[in-house]
Each structure stands twice: as C-alpha cells, then as structure tokens.
PDB file of all heavy atoms in Angstrom:
ATOM      1  N   GLY A   1      -4.154 -36.222  57.838  1.00  0.00           N
ATOM      2  CA  GLY A   1      -4.109 -37.700  57.402  1.00  0.00           C
ATOM      3  C   GLY A   1      -3.532 -37.764  56.049  1.00  0.00           C
ATOM      4  O   GLY A   1      -2.894 -38.699  55.676  1.00  0.00           O
ATOM      5  N   TRP A   2      -3.768 -36.666  55.233  1.00  0.00           N
ATOM      6  CA  TRP A   2      -3.091 -36.458  53.893  1.00  0.00           C
ATOM      7  C   TRP A   2      -3.115 -37.636  52.928  1.00  0.00           C
ATOM      8  O   TRP A   2      -2.113 -37.994  52.355  1.00  0.00           O
ATOM      9  CB  TRP A   2      -1.685 -36.034  54.200  1.00  0.00           C
ATOM     10  CG  TRP A   2      -1.647 -34.833  55.129  1.00  0.00           C
ATOM     11  CD1 TRP A   2      -1.976 -33.524  54.885  1.00  0.00           C
ATOM     12  CD2 TRP A   2      -1.351 -34.866  56.522  1.00  0.00           C
ATOM     13  NE1 TRP A   2      -1.832 -32.753  56.004  1.00  0.00           N
ATOM     14  CE2 TRP A   2      -1.460 -33.548  57.057  1.00  0.00           C
ATOM     15  CE3 TRP A   2      -0.961 -35.864  57.416  1.00  0.00           C
ATOM     16  CZ2 TRP A   2      -1.190 -33.256  58.322  1.00  0.00           C
ATOM     17  CZ3 TRP A   2      -0.691 -35.593  58.740  1.00  0.00           C
ATOM     18  CH2 TRP A   2      -0.816 -34.240  59.241  1.00  0.00           C
ATOM     19  N   PRO A   3      -4.280 -38.193  52.649  1.00  0.00           N
ATOM     20  CA  PRO A   3      -4.315 -39.294  51.630  1.00  0.00           C
ATOM     21  C   PRO A   3      -4.113 -38.652  50.225  1.00  0.00           C
ATOM     22  O   PRO A   3      -4.566 -37.587  49.925  1.00  0.00           O
ATOM     23  CB  PRO A   3      -5.709 -39.876  51.787  1.00  0.00           C
ATOM     24  CG  PRO A   3      -6.531 -38.777  52.354  1.00  0.00           C
ATOM     25  CD  PRO A   3      -5.617 -38.016  53.263  1.00  0.00           C
ATOM     26  N   THR A   4      -3.470 -39.466  49.356  1.00  0.00           N
ATOM     27  CA  THR A   4      -3.409 -39.128  47.943  1.00  0.00           C
ATOM     28  C   THR A   4      -4.295 -40.163  47.229  1.00  0.00           C
ATOM     29  O   THR A   4      -4.050 -41.383  47.298  1.00  0.00           O
ATOM     30  CB  THR A   4      -1.906 -39.265  47.395  1.00  0.00           C
ATOM     31  OG1 THR A   4      -1.132 -38.287  48.135  1.00  0.00           O
ATOM     32  CG2 THR A   4      -1.898 -38.996  45.907  1.00  0.00           C
ATOM     33  N   ASP A   5      -5.393 -39.675  46.724  1.00  0.00           N
ATOM     34  CA  ASP A   5      -6.356 -40.607  46.143  1.00  0.00           C
ATOM     35  C   ASP A   5      -7.032 -39.977  44.945  1.00  0.00           C
ATOM     36  O   ASP A   5      -7.996 -39.176  45.031  1.00  0.00           O
ATOM     37  CB  ASP A   5      -7.443 -40.840  47.243  1.00  0.00           C
ATOM     38  CG  ASP A   5      -8.398 -41.924  46.875  1.00  0.00           C
ATOM     39  OD1 ASP A   5      -8.715 -42.102  45.737  1.00  0.00           O
ATOM     40  OD2 ASP A   5      -8.875 -42.668  47.821  1.00  0.00           O
ATOM     41  N   ASP A   6      -6.545 -40.284  43.789  1.00  0.00           N
ATOM     42  CA  ASP A   6      -7.028 -39.735  42.545  1.00  0.00           C
ATOM     43  C   ASP A   6      -8.486 -40.218  42.254  1.00  0.00           C
ATOM     44  O   ASP A   6      -9.307 -39.425  41.618  1.00  0.00           O
ATOM     45  CB  ASP A   6      -6.187 -40.066  41.360  1.00  0.00           C
ATOM     46  CG  ASP A   6      -4.734 -39.435  41.417  1.00  0.00           C
ATOM     47  OD1 ASP A   6      -4.647 -38.426  42.153  1.00  0.00           O
ATOM     48  OD2 ASP A   6      -3.857 -39.931  40.813  1.00  0.00           O
ATOM     49  N   THR A   7      -8.799 -41.363  42.714  1.00  0.00           N
ATOM     50  CA  THR A   7     -10.194 -41.955  42.453  1.00  0.00           C
ATOM     51  C   THR A   7     -11.215 -41.150  43.121  1.00  0.00           C
ATOM     52  O   THR A   7     -12.224 -40.808  42.530  1.00  0.00           O
ATOM     53  CB  THR A   7     -10.211 -43.367  42.945  1.00  0.00           C
ATOM     54  OG1 THR A   7      -9.222 -44.166  42.218  1.00  0.00           O
ATOM     55  CG2 THR A   7     -11.590 -44.020  42.690  1.00  0.00           C
ATOM     56  N   ILE A   8     -10.979 -40.772  44.444  1.00  0.00           N
ATOM     57  CA  ILE A   8     -11.981 -39.977  45.140  1.00  0.00           C
ATOM     58  C   ILE A   8     -12.162 -38.531  44.433  1.00  0.00           C
ATOM     59  O   ILE A   8     -13.250 -38.052  44.363  1.00  0.00           O
ATOM     60  CB  ILE A   8     -11.674 -39.852  46.619  1.00  0.00           C
ATOM     61  CG1 ILE A   8     -12.985 -39.500  47.431  1.00  0.00           C
ATOM     62  CG2 ILE A   8     -10.549 -38.917  46.970  1.00  0.00           C
ATOM     63  CD1 ILE A   8     -14.050 -40.404  47.412  1.00  0.00           C
ATOM     64  N   GLU A   9     -11.044 -38.014  43.936  1.00  0.00           N
ATOM     65  CA  GLU A   9     -11.180 -36.777  43.335  1.00  0.00           C
ATOM     66  C   GLU A   9     -11.953 -36.818  41.999  1.00  0.00           C
ATOM     67  O   GLU A   9     -12.790 -36.000  41.661  1.00  0.00           O
ATOM     68  CB  GLU A   9      -9.796 -36.168  43.001  1.00  0.00           C
ATOM     69  CG  GLU A   9      -9.014 -35.804  44.216  1.00  0.00           C
ATOM     70  CD  GLU A   9      -9.687 -34.683  45.045  1.00  0.00           C
ATOM     71  OE1 GLU A   9     -10.137 -33.689  44.466  1.00  0.00           O
ATOM     72  OE2 GLU A   9      -9.845 -34.885  46.251  1.00  0.00           O
ATOM     73  N   GLN A  10     -11.792 -37.963  41.303  1.00  0.00           N
ATOM     74  CA  GLN A  10     -12.590 -38.165  40.014  1.00  0.00           C
ATOM     75  C   GLN A  10     -14.016 -38.438  40.385  1.00  0.00           C
ATOM     76  O   GLN A  10     -14.936 -37.899  39.693  1.00  0.00           O
ATOM     77  CB  GLN A  10     -12.019 -39.354  39.293  1.00  0.00           C
ATOM     78  CG  GLN A  10     -12.809 -39.598  37.967  1.00  0.00           C
ATOM     79  CD  GLN A  10     -12.789 -38.386  36.996  1.00  0.00           C
ATOM     80  OE1 GLN A  10     -11.677 -37.848  36.708  1.00  0.00           O
ATOM     81  NE2 GLN A  10     -13.900 -37.937  36.551  1.00  0.00           N
ATOM     82  N   LEU A  11     -14.321 -39.170  41.410  1.00  0.00           N
ATOM     83  CA  LEU A  11     -15.727 -39.394  41.801  1.00  0.00           C
ATOM     84  C   LEU A  11     -16.418 -38.119  42.174  1.00  0.00           C
ATOM     85  O   LEU A  11     -17.575 -37.905  41.959  1.00  0.00           O
ATOM     86  CB  LEU A  11     -15.737 -40.367  42.962  1.00  0.00           C
ATOM     87  CG  LEU A  11     -15.471 -41.871  42.576  1.00  0.00           C
ATOM     88  CD1 LEU A  11     -15.334 -42.758  43.856  1.00  0.00           C
ATOM     89  CD2 LEU A  11     -16.544 -42.411  41.700  1.00  0.00           C
ATOM     90  N   LYS A  12     -15.711 -37.165  42.821  1.00  0.00           N
ATOM     91  CA  LYS A  12     -16.302 -35.912  43.176  1.00  0.00           C
ATOM     92  C   LYS A  12     -16.585 -35.150  41.998  1.00  0.00           C
ATOM     93  O   LYS A  12     -17.621 -34.439  41.842  1.00  0.00           O
ATOM     94  CB  LYS A  12     -15.409 -35.136  44.210  1.00  0.00           C
ATOM     95  CG  LYS A  12     -15.423 -35.761  45.570  1.00  0.00           C
ATOM     96  CD  LYS A  12     -14.667 -34.867  46.623  1.00  0.00           C
ATOM     97  CE  LYS A  12     -13.233 -34.635  46.327  1.00  0.00           C
ATOM     98  NZ  LYS A  12     -12.576 -33.812  47.331  1.00  0.00           N
ATOM     99  N   ALA A  13     -15.670 -35.153  40.912  1.00  0.00           N
ATOM    100  CA  ALA A  13     -15.970 -34.573  39.654  1.00  0.00           C
ATOM    101  C   ALA A  13     -17.139 -35.154  39.065  1.00  0.00           C
ATOM    102  O   ALA A  13     -18.031 -34.431  38.331  1.00  0.00           O
ATOM    103  CB  ALA A  13     -14.724 -34.682  38.790  1.00  0.00           C
ATOM    104  N   ASP A  14     -17.363 -36.471  39.121  1.00  0.00           N
ATOM    105  CA  ASP A  14     -18.541 -37.113  38.501  1.00  0.00           C
ATOM    106  C   ASP A  14     -19.786 -36.666  39.207  1.00  0.00           C
ATOM    107  O   ASP A  14     -20.827 -36.505  38.581  1.00  0.00           O
ATOM    108  CB  ASP A  14     -18.363 -38.612  38.662  1.00  0.00           C
ATOM    109  CG  ASP A  14     -17.258 -39.217  37.839  1.00  0.00           C
ATOM    110  OD1 ASP A  14     -16.718 -38.492  36.920  1.00  0.00           O
ATOM    111  OD2 ASP A  14     -16.814 -40.412  38.129  1.00  0.00           O
ATOM    112  N   TYR A  15     -19.658 -36.409  40.542  1.00  0.00           N
ATOM    113  CA  TYR A  15     -20.854 -35.896  41.291  1.00  0.00           C
ATOM    114  C   TYR A  15     -21.171 -34.520  40.876  1.00  0.00           C
ATOM    115  O   TYR A  15     -22.381 -34.297  40.662  1.00  0.00           O
ATOM    116  CB  TYR A  15     -20.488 -35.930  42.807  1.00  0.00           C
ATOM    117  CG  TYR A  15     -21.597 -35.394  43.666  1.00  0.00           C
ATOM    118  CD1 TYR A  15     -22.633 -36.115  44.100  1.00  0.00           C
ATOM    119  CD2 TYR A  15     -21.548 -34.045  44.025  1.00  0.00           C
ATOM    120  CE1 TYR A  15     -23.670 -35.693  44.908  1.00  0.00           C
ATOM    121  CE2 TYR A  15     -22.577 -33.489  44.818  1.00  0.00           C
ATOM    122  CZ  TYR A  15     -23.635 -34.350  45.332  1.00  0.00           C
ATOM    123  OH  TYR A  15     -24.625 -33.764  46.056  1.00  0.00           O
ATOM    124  N   ILE A  16     -20.185 -33.671  40.666  1.00  0.00           N
ATOM    125  CA  ILE A  16     -20.496 -32.360  40.210  1.00  0.00           C
ATOM    126  C   ILE A  16     -21.189 -32.333  38.828  1.00  0.00           C
ATOM    127  O   ILE A  16     -22.069 -31.597  38.512  1.00  0.00           O
ATOM    128  CB  ILE A  16     -19.274 -31.496  40.076  1.00  0.00           C
ATOM    129  CG1 ILE A  16     -18.640 -31.298  41.544  1.00  0.00           C
ATOM    130  CG2 ILE A  16     -19.438 -30.168  39.458  1.00  0.00           C
ATOM    131  CD1 ILE A  16     -17.250 -30.794  41.610  1.00  0.00           C
ATOM    132  N   ALA A  17     -20.775 -33.287  37.971  1.00  0.00           N
ATOM    133  CA  ALA A  17     -21.295 -33.385  36.613  1.00  0.00           C
ATOM    134  C   ALA A  17     -22.677 -34.152  36.535  1.00  0.00           C
ATOM    135  O   ALA A  17     -23.274 -34.097  35.438  1.00  0.00           O
ATOM    136  CB  ALA A  17     -20.305 -34.071  35.675  1.00  0.00           C
ATOM    137  N   ALA A  18     -23.025 -34.736  37.559  1.00  0.00           N
ATOM    138  CA  ALA A  18     -24.292 -35.584  37.549  1.00  0.00           C
ATOM    139  C   ALA A  18     -25.424 -34.681  37.226  1.00  0.00           C
ATOM    140  O   ALA A  18     -25.603 -33.520  37.654  1.00  0.00           O
ATOM    141  CB  ALA A  18     -24.539 -36.180  38.946  1.00  0.00           C
ATOM    142  N   ALA A  19     -26.351 -35.237  36.365  1.00  0.00           N
ATOM    143  CA  ALA A  19     -27.456 -34.375  35.728  1.00  0.00           C
ATOM    144  C   ALA A  19     -28.620 -34.225  36.663  1.00  0.00           C
ATOM    145  O   ALA A  19     -29.402 -33.239  36.540  1.00  0.00           O
ATOM    146  CB  ALA A  19     -27.937 -35.061  34.516  1.00  0.00           C
ATOM    147  N   ASP A  20     -28.802 -35.056  37.631  1.00  0.00           N
ATOM    148  CA  ASP A  20     -29.978 -34.936  38.465  1.00  0.00           C
ATOM    149  C   ASP A  20     -29.786 -35.676  39.826  1.00  0.00           C
ATOM    150  O   ASP A  20     -28.716 -36.352  40.001  1.00  0.00           O
ATOM    151  CB  ASP A  20     -31.222 -35.550  37.775  1.00  0.00           C
ATOM    152  CG  ASP A  20     -30.990 -37.005  37.307  1.00  0.00           C
ATOM    153  OD1 ASP A  20     -30.467 -37.769  38.113  1.00  0.00           O
ATOM    154  OD2 ASP A  20     -31.323 -37.309  36.210  1.00  0.00           O
ATOM    155  N   PRO A  21     -30.654 -35.522  40.786  1.00  0.00           N
ATOM    156  CA  PRO A  21     -30.484 -36.152  42.106  1.00  0.00           C
ATOM    157  C   PRO A  21     -30.289 -37.663  42.069  1.00  0.00           C
ATOM    158  O   PRO A  21     -29.462 -38.163  42.789  1.00  0.00           O
ATOM    159  CB  PRO A  21     -31.757 -35.802  42.850  1.00  0.00           C
ATOM    160  CG  PRO A  21     -32.172 -34.479  42.243  1.00  0.00           C
ATOM    161  CD  PRO A  21     -31.797 -34.634  40.840  1.00  0.00           C
ATOM    162  N   GLU A  22     -30.863 -38.369  41.148  1.00  0.00           N
ATOM    163  CA  GLU A  22     -30.747 -39.782  41.043  1.00  0.00           C
ATOM    164  C   GLU A  22     -29.245 -40.149  40.637  1.00  0.00           C
ATOM    165  O   GLU A  22     -28.677 -41.066  41.124  1.00  0.00           O
ATOM    166  CB  GLU A  22     -31.763 -40.348  40.062  1.00  0.00           C
ATOM    167  CG  GLU A  22     -33.139 -40.517  40.635  1.00  0.00           C
ATOM    168  CD  GLU A  22     -33.194 -41.346  41.922  1.00  0.00           C
ATOM    169  OE1 GLU A  22     -32.560 -42.453  41.955  1.00  0.00           O
ATOM    170  OE2 GLU A  22     -33.700 -40.863  42.982  1.00  0.00           O
ATOM    171  N   ALA A  23     -28.812 -39.373  39.666  1.00  0.00           N
ATOM    172  CA  ALA A  23     -27.429 -39.583  39.244  1.00  0.00           C
ATOM    173  C   ALA A  23     -26.404 -39.173  40.339  1.00  0.00           C
ATOM    174  O   ALA A  23     -25.433 -39.893  40.481  1.00  0.00           O
ATOM    175  CB  ALA A  23     -27.132 -38.713  37.976  1.00  0.00           C
ATOM    176  N   GLN A  24     -26.657 -38.196  41.099  1.00  0.00           N
ATOM    177  CA  GLN A  24     -25.849 -37.870  42.250  1.00  0.00           C
ATOM    178  C   GLN A  24     -25.849 -38.958  43.238  1.00  0.00           C
ATOM    179  O   GLN A  24     -24.828 -39.262  43.808  1.00  0.00           O
ATOM    180  CB  GLN A  24     -26.330 -36.557  42.856  1.00  0.00           C
ATOM    181  CG  GLN A  24     -26.116 -35.322  42.045  1.00  0.00           C
ATOM    182  CD  GLN A  24     -26.581 -34.042  42.719  1.00  0.00           C
ATOM    183  OE1 GLN A  24     -27.489 -34.132  43.493  1.00  0.00           O
ATOM    184  NE2 GLN A  24     -25.918 -32.963  42.405  1.00  0.00           N
ATOM    185  N   LYS A  25     -27.010 -39.515  43.440  1.00  0.00           N
ATOM    186  CA  LYS A  25     -27.141 -40.640  44.497  1.00  0.00           C
ATOM    187  C   LYS A  25     -26.318 -41.811  44.009  1.00  0.00           C
ATOM    188  O   LYS A  25     -25.652 -42.466  44.812  1.00  0.00           O
ATOM    189  CB  LYS A  25     -28.580 -41.029  44.666  1.00  0.00           C
ATOM    190  CG  LYS A  25     -28.799 -42.034  45.782  1.00  0.00           C
ATOM    191  CD  LYS A  25     -30.319 -42.254  46.036  1.00  0.00           C
ATOM    192  CE  LYS A  25     -30.477 -43.149  47.233  1.00  0.00           C
ATOM    193  NZ  LYS A  25     -31.905 -43.348  47.549  1.00  0.00           N
ATOM    194  N   ALA A  26     -26.332 -42.102  42.724  1.00  0.00           N
ATOM    195  CA  ALA A  26     -25.513 -43.251  42.249  1.00  0.00           C
ATOM    196  C   ALA A  26     -23.997 -43.012  42.374  1.00  0.00           C
ATOM    197  O   ALA A  26     -23.278 -43.984  42.788  1.00  0.00           O
ATOM    198  CB  ALA A  26     -25.847 -43.479  40.699  1.00  0.00           C
ATOM    199  N   VAL A  27     -23.607 -41.753  42.167  1.00  0.00           N
ATOM    200  CA  VAL A  27     -22.186 -41.498  42.409  1.00  0.00           C
ATOM    201  C   VAL A  27     -21.834 -41.522  43.919  1.00  0.00           C
ATOM    202  O   VAL A  27     -20.779 -41.982  44.379  1.00  0.00           O
ATOM    203  CB  VAL A  27     -21.779 -40.070  41.867  1.00  0.00           C
ATOM    204  CG1 VAL A  27     -20.382 -39.748  42.158  1.00  0.00           C
ATOM    205  CG2 VAL A  27     -22.126 -40.053  40.372  1.00  0.00           C
ATOM    206  N   GLY A  28     -22.817 -41.029  44.736  1.00  0.00           N
ATOM    207  CA  GLY A  28     -22.631 -41.102  46.109  1.00  0.00           C
ATOM    208  C   GLY A  28     -22.393 -42.552  46.698  1.00  0.00           C
ATOM    209  O   GLY A  28     -21.600 -42.718  47.578  1.00  0.00           O
ATOM    210  N   GLU A  29     -23.129 -43.454  46.074  1.00  0.00           N
ATOM    211  CA  GLU A  29     -22.961 -44.820  46.434  1.00  0.00           C
ATOM    212  C   GLU A  29     -21.552 -45.336  46.133  1.00  0.00           C
ATOM    213  O   GLU A  29     -20.924 -46.009  46.953  1.00  0.00           O
ATOM    214  CB  GLU A  29     -23.972 -45.732  45.650  1.00  0.00           C
ATOM    215  CG  GLU A  29     -23.933 -47.174  46.022  1.00  0.00           C
ATOM    216  CD  GLU A  29     -24.837 -47.537  47.187  1.00  0.00           C
ATOM    217  OE1 GLU A  29     -25.732 -46.743  47.499  1.00  0.00           O
ATOM    218  OE2 GLU A  29     -24.647 -48.597  47.750  1.00  0.00           O
ATOM    219  N   LYS A  30     -21.009 -44.894  45.008  1.00  0.00           N
ATOM    220  CA  LYS A  30     -19.634 -45.259  44.590  1.00  0.00           C
ATOM    221  C   LYS A  30     -18.552 -44.569  45.654  1.00  0.00           C
ATOM    222  O   LYS A  30     -17.556 -45.159  45.970  1.00  0.00           O
ATOM    223  CB  LYS A  30     -19.332 -44.789  43.179  1.00  0.00           C
ATOM    224  CG  LYS A  30     -20.129 -45.575  42.166  1.00  0.00           C
ATOM    225  CD  LYS A  30     -19.731 -45.062  40.721  1.00  0.00           C
ATOM    226  CE  LYS A  30     -20.642 -45.834  39.734  1.00  0.00           C
ATOM    227  NZ  LYS A  30     -20.302 -45.288  38.349  1.00  0.00           N
TER     228      LYS A  30
END
C-alpha cells in the first residue's frame, strides 16, 4: 500500500518516548 506519512512516524516516536502507560494511551488515541 506504501503510504508516505510523516505524522504517523512522529506519533510512533512520541509513543516510544511516552513516560508511562497513561501517556502511551494518550498517544494511542492520536
């Protein structure tokens, strides 16, 4: 399908950097 999507790559980086499960959940919502 090969999407080019810089936003989803940044959101995954935000998920990795999330400090705790609640922060991960907030990024997951985005």
